[in-house]
Amino acid sequence: MTKGFFITGTDTDVGKTRIALGLINKLNTMGHTTTVMKPLSAGCDSTPDGLRNDDAVQLIQQASFKPDYDKVNPYAFKPAIAPHLAAEKENTVIDLSRIKNIFDELSAQADYIVVEGAGGWKVPINKQQTMAELASALALPVILVTGMRLGCLNHAILTIESIQHAGIPIAGWIANTLSKDFTELDANIKTLKEHLEIPFLGTVPYMEKCEPQLTGQYINISNA
């Protein structure tokens, strides 16, 4: 069985990449080999080598096994909009079977694979499927990154309910502090612990910049 994690979030811009990088660093430090995948990305930059997404580039840099970019991020789009809308603009249909085939190839090359989703849990990827179906196809336990800000309680509880309803295993959730000015951080975390009833994998404090080694120190995957 493939070992790894699927990183999703309560919304966009909640720190999925930061947590993924910290998790990869943690696994590397524990002596495991790691590889990565970000199947879909939008808001990519044009480079001499083609479209490149900064999050995907950072994931590759952190992994111990570094696949070709086109395998890590098979669907890359320039407009910074929802992936299915970006795909429609380019007359592209996002194909889950293609993603799964690449995933199977990559996951065989390392002890762990860390896959980062795009946006939130139910973001559409085509006219019939959402990010939830993608996670289900890859069959990895999910880590929910909860961006600690106003509205996080509702978003986290609804997201976990949706994951559980889909019958997808949940490794746990992480509280990612998005602002040093967020009030009642501890109270919000306590509330979520009481309502989510899934493993709590740690609180990542606010940081001015992404530091994978430091982030990884706050992530507890011993029971994940």
Protein backbone atom coordinates (compact mmCIF):
# COMPACT_ATOMS: atom_id res chain seq x y z
CA MET A 1 0.00 0.00 0.00
CA THR A 2 1.27 3.44 -0.91
CA LYS A 3 2.40 5.54 2.03
CA GLY A 4 1.74 9.22 1.89
CA PHE A 5 -0.64 12.06 2.57
CA PHE A 6 -3.07 14.21 0.62
CA ILE A 7 -2.93 17.82 1.79
CA THR A 8 -6.18 19.76 1.56
CA GLY A 9 -7.34 22.99 3.13
CA THR A 10 -10.37 24.72 4.54
CA ASP A 11 -10.04 27.27 1.72
CA THR A 12 -7.47 28.72 -0.64
CA ASP A 13 -4.52 30.60 0.86
CA VAL A 14 -4.57 28.73 4.17
CA GLY A 15 -0.99 27.47 3.96
CA LYS A 16 -1.26 24.05 2.29
CA THR A 17 2.13 24.43 0.65
CA ARG A 18 3.81 25.58 3.86
CA ILE A 19 2.44 22.55 5.71
CA ALA A 20 3.33 20.20 2.85
CA LEU A 21 6.91 21.48 2.83
CA GLY A 22 7.16 21.09 6.59
CA LEU A 23 5.74 17.57 6.40
CA ILE A 24 8.21 16.57 3.68
CA ASN A 25 11.07 17.96 5.75
CA LYS A 26 9.80 16.02 8.76
CA LEU A 27 9.68 12.76 6.80
CA ASN A 28 13.15 13.37 5.38
CA THR A 29 14.49 14.01 8.88
CA MET A 30 12.94 10.74 10.03
CA GLY A 31 15.04 8.93 7.41
CA HIS A 32 12.33 8.33 4.79
CA THR A 33 12.66 9.02 1.09
CA THR A 34 10.00 11.38 -0.24
CA THR A 35 8.49 12.48 -3.50
CA VAL A 36 5.73 14.93 -4.32
CA MET A 37 2.85 15.79 -6.59
CA LYS A 38 0.67 18.83 -7.18
CA PRO A 39 -1.67 17.51 -9.87
CA LEU A 40 -3.38 20.83 -10.63
CA SER A 41 -2.16 24.39 -10.46
CA ALA A 42 -3.34 27.76 -11.72
CA GLY A 43 -1.61 31.11 -11.67
CA CYS A 44 1.56 29.71 -13.23
CA ASP A 45 4.45 31.75 -14.58
CA SER A 46 5.76 31.50 -18.14
CA THR A 47 9.39 30.32 -18.21
CA PRO A 48 11.76 29.07 -20.95
CA ASP A 49 10.90 25.54 -19.77
CA GLY A 50 7.12 26.09 -19.87
CA LEU A 51 4.53 27.06 -17.28
CA ARG A 52 5.76 26.75 -13.72
CA ASN A 53 3.86 26.97 -10.44
CA ASP A 54 5.90 28.27 -7.51
CA ASP A 55 4.26 25.88 -5.03
CA ALA A 56 5.10 22.86 -7.18
CA VAL A 57 8.69 24.07 -7.64
CA GLN A 58 9.11 24.39 -3.86
CA LEU A 59 7.71 20.89 -3.32
CA ILE A 60 10.22 19.42 -5.77
CA GLN A 61 13.08 21.26 -4.10
CA GLN A 62 12.14 19.86 -0.69
CA ALA A 63 11.62 16.24 -1.79
CA SER A 64 14.48 13.74 -1.60
CA PHE A 65 13.43 12.22 -4.94
CA LYS A 66 12.90 14.99 -7.49
CA PRO A 67 10.79 13.95 -10.49
CA ASP A 68 10.47 15.93 -13.70
CA TYR A 69 8.24 18.96 -13.28
CA ASP A 70 5.65 17.75 -15.80
CA LYS A 71 5.02 14.66 -13.68
CA VAL A 72 4.73 16.57 -10.44
CA ASN A 73 2.33 19.10 -11.97
CA PRO A 74 0.71 17.54 -15.06
CA TYR A 75 -2.01 20.19 -15.30
CA ALA A 76 -0.58 23.71 -15.09
CA PHE A 77 -2.52 26.79 -16.13
CA LYS A 78 -1.58 30.44 -16.38
CA PRO A 79 -4.78 32.22 -15.22
CA ALA A 80 -5.05 32.50 -11.43
CA ILE A 81 -8.60 31.14 -11.36
CA ALA A 82 -10.30 27.88 -10.39
CA PRO A 83 -8.55 24.96 -12.16
CA HIS A 84 -11.62 23.76 -14.06
CA LEU A 85 -12.24 27.28 -15.41
CA ALA A 86 -8.59 27.63 -16.42
CA ALA A 87 -8.79 24.25 -18.15
CA GLU A 88 -11.93 25.27 -20.04
CA LYS A 89 -10.18 28.40 -21.33
CA GLU A 90 -7.49 26.18 -22.82
CA ASN A 91 -9.94 23.54 -24.11
CA THR A 92 -8.42 21.01 -21.74
CA VAL A 93 -10.26 18.35 -19.76
CA ILE A 94 -8.61 17.32 -16.50
CA ASP A 95 -8.42 13.53 -16.60
CA LEU A 96 -8.27 11.68 -13.28
CA SER A 97 -6.97 8.50 -14.88
CA ARG A 98 -3.93 10.38 -16.24
CA ILE A 99 -3.23 11.82 -12.79
CA LYS A 100 -3.62 8.40 -11.18
CA ASN A 101 -1.21 6.76 -13.63
CA ILE A 102 1.47 9.36 -12.92
CA PHE A 103 0.79 9.09 -9.19
CA ASP A 104 1.31 5.31 -9.30
CA GLU A 105 4.63 5.80 -11.07
CA LEU A 106 5.88 8.43 -8.64
CA SER A 107 4.70 6.71 -5.47
CA ALA A 108 6.70 3.59 -6.36
CA GLN A 109 9.93 5.60 -6.28
CA ALA A 110 9.96 6.73 -2.64
CA ASP A 111 8.87 5.68 0.84
CA TYR A 112 6.29 8.49 1.03
CA ILE A 113 4.50 10.71 -1.46
CA VAL A 114 2.99 14.03 -0.41
CA VAL A 115 0.25 15.32 -2.71
CA GLU A 116 -0.99 18.88 -2.43
CA GLY A 117 -4.49 19.68 -3.62
CA ALA A 118 -5.64 22.97 -5.13
CA GLY A 119 -7.99 25.32 -3.31
CA GLY A 120 -10.39 23.66 -0.90
CA TRP A 121 -11.85 20.17 -0.63
CA LYS A 122 -14.78 20.58 -3.04
CA VAL A 123 -13.17 22.73 -5.73
CA PRO A 124 -14.35 21.41 -9.12
CA ILE A 125 -11.70 19.94 -11.40
CA ASN A 126 -14.03 19.34 -14.36
CA LYS A 127 -17.78 19.33 -15.03
CA GLN A 128 -18.39 16.13 -13.08
CA GLN A 129 -15.66 15.82 -10.45
CA THR A 130 -14.13 17.78 -7.60
CA MET A 131 -10.91 17.69 -5.60
CA ALA A 132 -12.66 15.15 -3.36
CA GLU A 133 -12.85 12.63 -6.21
CA LEU A 134 -9.18 13.20 -6.93
CA ALA A 135 -8.25 12.46 -3.32
CA SER A 136 -10.45 9.37 -3.36
CA ALA A 137 -8.77 8.08 -6.53
CA LEU A 138 -5.32 8.42 -4.98
CA ALA A 139 -6.48 6.68 -1.79
CA LEU A 140 -4.18 8.59 0.56
CA PRO A 141 -5.10 9.62 4.10
CA VAL A 142 -6.03 13.29 4.19
CA ILE A 143 -4.45 16.01 6.29
CA LEU A 144 -6.67 19.07 6.64
CA VAL A 145 -4.85 22.38 6.92
CA THR A 146 -7.07 24.75 8.85
CA GLY A 147 -6.18 28.37 8.32
CA MET A 148 -6.77 29.98 11.70
CA ARG A 149 -8.85 33.03 10.91
CA LEU A 150 -12.42 34.22 11.28
CA GLY A 151 -14.71 31.59 9.77
CA CYS A 152 -12.32 28.68 10.32
CA LEU A 153 -14.65 26.82 12.69
CA ASN A 154 -17.42 26.48 10.14
CA HIS A 155 -15.06 25.71 7.27
CA ALA A 156 -13.14 23.04 9.18
CA ILE A 157 -16.20 21.26 10.54
CA LEU A 158 -17.96 21.20 7.16
CA THR A 159 -14.83 20.00 5.38
CA ILE A 160 -14.23 17.14 7.80
CA GLU A 161 -17.89 16.11 7.56
CA SER A 162 -17.55 15.98 3.76
CA ILE A 163 -14.34 13.92 3.91
CA GLN A 164 -15.91 11.48 6.36
CA HIS A 165 -19.08 11.23 4.27
CA ALA A 166 -16.93 10.25 1.28
CA GLY A 167 -15.37 7.44 3.34
CA ILE A 168 -11.82 8.72 2.83
CA PRO A 169 -9.36 8.09 5.68
CA ILE A 170 -8.28 11.16 7.63
CA ALA A 171 -4.79 11.34 9.11
CA GLY A 172 -5.69 14.45 11.10
CA TRP A 173 -5.78 18.22 11.02
CA ILE A 174 -3.26 21.00 11.54
CA ALA A 175 -3.92 24.51 12.82
CA ASN A 176 -1.95 26.94 10.68
CA THR A 177 -1.71 30.42 12.22
CA LEU A 178 -2.11 32.94 9.40
CA SER A 179 -1.75 36.16 11.37
CA LYS A 180 -0.04 37.23 14.57
CA ASP A 181 -3.11 39.37 15.28
CA PHE A 182 -5.70 36.56 15.25
CA THR A 183 -7.50 36.72 18.58
CA GLU A 184 -8.72 33.70 20.56
CA LEU A 185 -6.38 31.31 18.77
CA ASP A 186 -6.27 28.82 21.65
CA ALA A 187 -10.03 29.00 22.16
CA ASN A 188 -10.67 28.30 18.48
CA ILE A 189 -8.29 25.34 18.50
CA LYS A 190 -9.97 23.98 21.62
CA THR A 191 -13.38 24.29 19.94
CA LEU A 192 -12.19 22.43 16.86
CA LYS A 193 -10.64 19.65 18.94
CA GLU A 194 -14.01 19.17 20.63
CA HIS A 195 -15.95 19.07 17.35
CA LEU A 196 -13.68 17.32 14.87
CA GLU A 197 -12.90 14.16 16.88
CA ILE A 198 -9.96 13.28 14.64
CA PRO A 199 -6.21 13.38 15.40
CA PHE A 200 -4.78 16.84 16.00
CA LEU A 201 -1.34 17.01 14.40
CA GLY A 202 -0.16 20.33 15.77
CA THR A 203 -0.29 24.11 15.69
CA VAL A 204 2.07 25.92 13.34
CA PRO A 205 2.70 29.45 14.63
CA TYR A 206 2.69 32.54 12.48
CA MET A 207 5.91 32.96 10.48
CA GLU A 208 7.05 35.84 8.31
CA LYS A 209 8.43 33.43 5.71
CA CYS A 210 8.17 29.74 4.93
CA GLU A 211 10.78 27.71 6.80
CA PRO A 212 10.17 23.98 6.16
CA GLN A 213 12.56 22.74 8.84
CA LEU A 214 10.95 24.92 11.51
CA THR A 215 7.43 24.15 10.31
CA GLY A 216 8.14 20.43 10.42
CA GLN A 217 9.04 20.65 14.10
CA TYR A 218 5.45 21.61 14.90
CA ILE A 219 3.89 18.69 12.98
CA ASN A 220 3.30 15.46 14.88
CA ILE A 221 2.72 12.51 12.56
CA SER A 222 3.60 9.78 15.02
CA ASN A 223 -0.03 8.62 15.09
CA ALA A 224 -0.96 9.64 11.55
